[in-house]
Amino acid sequence: MQVVYERCCGLDVHQKTVVGCRLLTGSKGTIEKAIRTFATTTNGLRELDHWLAEGHVQHSCSPLLGLHQSCSPCSS
């Protein structure tokens, strides 16, 4: 599989939670996958922001309008 984005995160947004699937590509091409759930409160969203910044995430997306398969990096 070809790496398009070296650091990305798919976000699944619900009423009370946001689930993030973060993929980080290492220097030798290894992929680190992490999945976390955050509350949709102010503090929860700040935690999400910190988690994305900590991984130096450059791109994120959310499965909207039926684009789930092309968006979510952790769906496979």
N, C-alpha and C. Protein backbone atom coordinates (compact mmCIF):
# COMPACT_ATOMS: atom_id res chain seq x y z
N MET A 1 0.84 -1.18 0.00
CA MET A 1 0.00 0.00 0.00
C MET A 1 0.89 1.24 0.00
N GLN A 2 0.55 2.20 -0.80
CA GLN A 2 1.29 3.46 -0.89
C GLN A 2 0.86 4.42 0.20
N VAL A 3 1.84 5.01 0.88
CA VAL A 3 1.55 6.00 1.91
C VAL A 3 1.25 7.34 1.24
N VAL A 4 0.07 7.87 1.50
CA VAL A 4 -0.33 9.17 0.94
C VAL A 4 -0.08 10.27 1.97
N TYR A 5 -0.48 10.01 3.21
CA TYR A 5 -0.26 10.94 4.31
C TYR A 5 0.51 10.21 5.40
N GLU A 6 1.65 10.73 5.80
CA GLU A 6 2.48 10.07 6.79
C GLU A 6 1.91 10.13 8.19
N ARG A 7 1.12 11.14 8.48
CA ARG A 7 0.52 11.31 9.81
C ARG A 7 -0.90 11.81 9.60
N CYS A 8 -1.86 10.93 9.90
CA CYS A 8 -3.26 11.31 9.66
C CYS A 8 -4.15 10.69 10.72
N CYS A 9 -5.39 11.16 10.76
CA CYS A 9 -6.34 10.67 11.75
C CYS A 9 -7.75 10.69 11.15
N GLY A 10 -8.44 9.58 11.25
CA GLY A 10 -9.85 9.52 10.90
C GLY A 10 -10.66 9.79 12.15
N LEU A 11 -11.68 10.62 12.04
CA LEU A 11 -12.50 10.98 13.20
C LEU A 11 -13.94 10.56 12.96
N ASP A 12 -14.50 9.83 13.90
CA ASP A 12 -15.90 9.42 13.85
C ASP A 12 -16.62 10.20 14.94
N VAL A 13 -17.43 11.16 14.54
CA VAL A 13 -18.05 12.10 15.48
C VAL A 13 -19.46 11.64 15.83
N HIS A 14 -19.73 11.53 17.13
CA HIS A 14 -21.04 11.17 17.64
C HIS A 14 -21.52 12.31 18.55
N GLN A 15 -22.72 12.18 19.09
CA GLN A 15 -23.26 13.24 19.94
C GLN A 15 -22.44 13.43 21.22
N LYS A 16 -22.03 12.34 21.86
CA LYS A 16 -21.33 12.45 23.14
C LYS A 16 -19.85 12.09 23.06
N THR A 17 -19.42 11.52 21.94
CA THR A 17 -18.01 11.12 21.82
C THR A 17 -17.47 11.38 20.41
N VAL A 18 -16.15 11.45 20.34
CA VAL A 18 -15.41 11.48 19.08
C VAL A 18 -14.38 10.37 19.17
N VAL A 19 -14.39 9.46 18.20
CA VAL A 19 -13.42 8.38 18.16
C VAL A 19 -12.37 8.74 17.11
N GLY A 20 -11.12 8.75 17.53
CA GLY A 20 -10.03 9.07 16.63
C GLY A 20 -9.16 7.85 16.37
N CYS A 21 -8.83 7.62 15.11
CA CYS A 21 -7.91 6.55 14.73
C CYS A 21 -6.70 7.22 14.09
N ARG A 22 -5.60 7.23 14.81
CA ARG A 22 -4.39 7.96 14.38
C ARG A 22 -3.39 6.98 13.79
N LEU A 23 -2.89 7.29 12.60
CA LEU A 23 -1.85 6.50 11.95
C LEU A 23 -0.61 7.36 11.78
N LEU A 24 0.50 6.87 12.30
CA LEU A 24 1.77 7.59 12.19
C LEU A 24 2.77 6.68 11.50
N THR A 25 3.42 7.18 10.45
CA THR A 25 4.41 6.41 9.73
C THR A 25 5.79 6.69 10.31
N GLY A 26 6.49 5.63 10.71
CA GLY A 26 7.82 5.75 11.28
C GLY A 26 8.88 5.92 10.19
N SER A 27 10.11 6.17 10.61
CA SER A 27 11.20 6.43 9.67
C SER A 27 11.51 5.22 8.78
N LYS A 28 11.21 4.02 9.26
CA LYS A 28 11.48 2.81 8.47
C LYS A 28 10.22 2.29 7.77
N GLY A 29 9.20 3.11 7.73
CA GLY A 29 7.97 2.74 7.05
C GLY A 29 6.98 1.96 7.89
N THR A 30 7.26 1.77 9.16
CA THR A 30 6.31 1.08 10.03
C THR A 30 5.15 2.02 10.37
N ILE A 31 3.99 1.44 10.57
CA ILE A 31 2.80 2.22 10.88
C ILE A 31 2.41 1.99 12.34
N GLU A 32 2.27 3.08 13.08
CA GLU A 32 1.77 3.01 14.46
C GLU A 32 0.30 3.42 14.44
N LYS A 33 -0.56 2.52 14.86
CA LYS A 33 -2.01 2.76 14.87
C LYS A 33 -2.49 2.91 16.31
N ALA A 34 -3.23 3.97 16.57
CA ALA A 34 -3.78 4.19 17.91
C ALA A 34 -5.23 4.66 17.77
N ILE A 35 -6.10 4.08 18.58
CA ILE A 35 -7.52 4.46 18.58
C ILE A 35 -7.88 4.93 19.98
N ARG A 36 -8.49 6.12 20.05
CA ARG A 36 -8.92 6.67 21.35
C ARG A 36 -10.29 7.31 21.21
N THR A 37 -11.00 7.31 22.31
CA THR A 37 -12.32 7.93 22.36
C THR A 37 -12.27 9.13 23.29
N PHE A 38 -12.86 10.24 22.84
CA PHE A 38 -12.86 11.49 23.58
C PHE A 38 -14.29 11.97 23.76
N ALA A 39 -14.55 12.62 24.87
CA ALA A 39 -15.87 13.23 25.11
C ALA A 39 -16.00 14.48 24.23
N THR A 40 -17.23 14.85 23.94
CA THR A 40 -17.45 16.07 23.14
C THR A 40 -17.58 17.31 24.02
N THR A 41 -17.11 17.22 25.25
CA THR A 41 -17.06 18.38 26.13
C THR A 41 -15.85 19.23 25.76
N THR A 42 -15.77 20.41 26.29
CA THR A 42 -14.61 21.27 26.01
C THR A 42 -13.31 20.58 26.41
N ASN A 43 -13.28 20.00 27.60
CA ASN A 43 -12.06 19.32 28.03
C ASN A 43 -11.73 18.11 27.16
N GLY A 44 -12.75 17.36 26.76
CA GLY A 44 -12.53 16.21 25.88
C GLY A 44 -11.96 16.61 24.54
N LEU A 45 -12.47 17.70 23.98
CA LEU A 45 -11.96 18.18 22.69
C LEU A 45 -10.55 18.76 22.82
N ARG A 46 -10.24 19.33 23.97
CA ARG A 46 -8.86 19.78 24.21
C ARG A 46 -7.92 18.59 24.28
N GLU A 47 -8.37 17.49 24.91
CA GLU A 47 -7.56 16.27 24.95
C GLU A 47 -7.33 15.74 23.53
N LEU A 48 -8.36 15.75 22.70
CA LEU A 48 -8.23 15.33 21.31
C LEU A 48 -7.22 16.19 20.59
N ASP A 49 -7.30 17.50 20.76
CA ASP A 49 -6.37 18.42 20.13
C ASP A 49 -4.93 18.13 20.56
N HIS A 50 -4.74 17.88 21.85
CA HIS A 50 -3.41 17.57 22.37
C HIS A 50 -2.90 16.25 21.78
N TRP A 51 -3.75 15.25 21.69
CA TRP A 51 -3.38 13.94 21.14
C TRP A 51 -2.96 14.06 19.68
N LEU A 52 -3.70 14.86 18.91
CA LEU A 52 -3.34 15.06 17.50
C LEU A 52 -2.02 15.82 17.38
N ALA A 53 -1.85 16.86 18.19
CA ALA A 53 -0.60 17.65 18.16
C ALA A 53 0.59 16.81 18.61
N GLU A 54 0.38 15.97 19.61
CA GLU A 54 1.44 15.10 20.12
C GLU A 54 1.96 14.15 19.03
N GLY A 55 1.07 13.71 18.14
CA GLY A 55 1.47 12.85 17.04
C GLY A 55 1.85 13.60 15.78
N HIS A 56 1.88 14.93 15.85
CA HIS A 56 2.20 15.78 14.70
C HIS A 56 1.32 15.42 13.49
N VAL A 57 0.03 15.21 13.78
CA VAL A 57 -0.92 14.84 12.73
C VAL A 57 -1.08 16.01 11.77
N GLN A 58 -0.94 15.72 10.48
CA GLN A 58 -1.01 16.75 9.44
C GLN A 58 -2.37 16.81 8.77
N HIS A 59 -3.11 15.69 8.77
CA HIS A 59 -4.39 15.63 8.08
C HIS A 59 -5.37 14.81 8.91
N SER A 60 -6.63 15.23 8.88
CA SER A 60 -7.68 14.46 9.52
C SER A 60 -8.93 14.54 8.66
N CYS A 61 -9.81 13.59 8.84
CA CYS A 61 -11.06 13.61 8.07
C CYS A 61 -12.14 12.92 8.88
N SER A 62 -13.37 13.15 8.50
CA SER A 62 -14.51 12.55 9.16
C SER A 62 -15.40 11.95 8.07
N PRO A 63 -15.93 10.75 8.30
CA PRO A 63 -16.75 10.09 7.27
C PRO A 63 -18.11 10.76 7.10
N LEU A 64 -18.17 11.73 6.23
CA LEU A 64 -19.42 12.45 5.96
C LEU A 64 -19.90 12.16 4.55
N LEU A 65 -21.18 12.25 4.34
CA LEU A 65 -21.78 12.14 3.01
C LEU A 65 -21.41 10.86 2.28
N GLY A 66 -21.29 9.76 3.02
CA GLY A 66 -21.02 8.49 2.39
C GLY A 66 -19.58 8.28 1.95
N LEU A 67 -18.65 9.10 2.44
CA LEU A 67 -17.25 8.98 2.03
C LEU A 67 -16.44 8.13 3.01
N HIS A 68 -17.12 7.31 3.80
CA HIS A 68 -16.45 6.56 4.88
C HIS A 68 -15.27 5.72 4.39
N GLN A 69 -15.43 4.98 3.31
CA GLN A 69 -14.36 4.09 2.86
C GLN A 69 -13.10 4.85 2.43
N SER A 70 -13.28 5.99 1.79
CA SER A 70 -12.11 6.75 1.34
C SER A 70 -11.51 7.62 2.42
N CYS A 71 -12.22 7.79 3.52
CA CYS A 71 -11.77 8.70 4.55
C CYS A 71 -11.06 8.00 5.70
N SER A 72 -11.72 7.04 6.30
CA SER A 72 -11.22 6.49 7.56
C SER A 72 -10.00 5.60 7.36
N PRO A 73 -8.84 6.01 7.90
CA PRO A 73 -7.62 5.23 7.71
C PRO A 73 -7.63 3.94 8.50
N CYS A 74 -8.53 3.78 9.43
CA CYS A 74 -8.51 2.59 10.29
C CYS A 74 -9.68 1.66 10.00
N SER A 75 -10.37 1.86 8.91
CA SER A 75 -11.56 1.04 8.63
C SER A 75 -11.20 -0.34 8.11
N SER A 76 -9.98 -0.54 7.64
CA SER A 76 -9.64 -1.85 7.09
C SER A 76 -9.03 -2.77 8.10
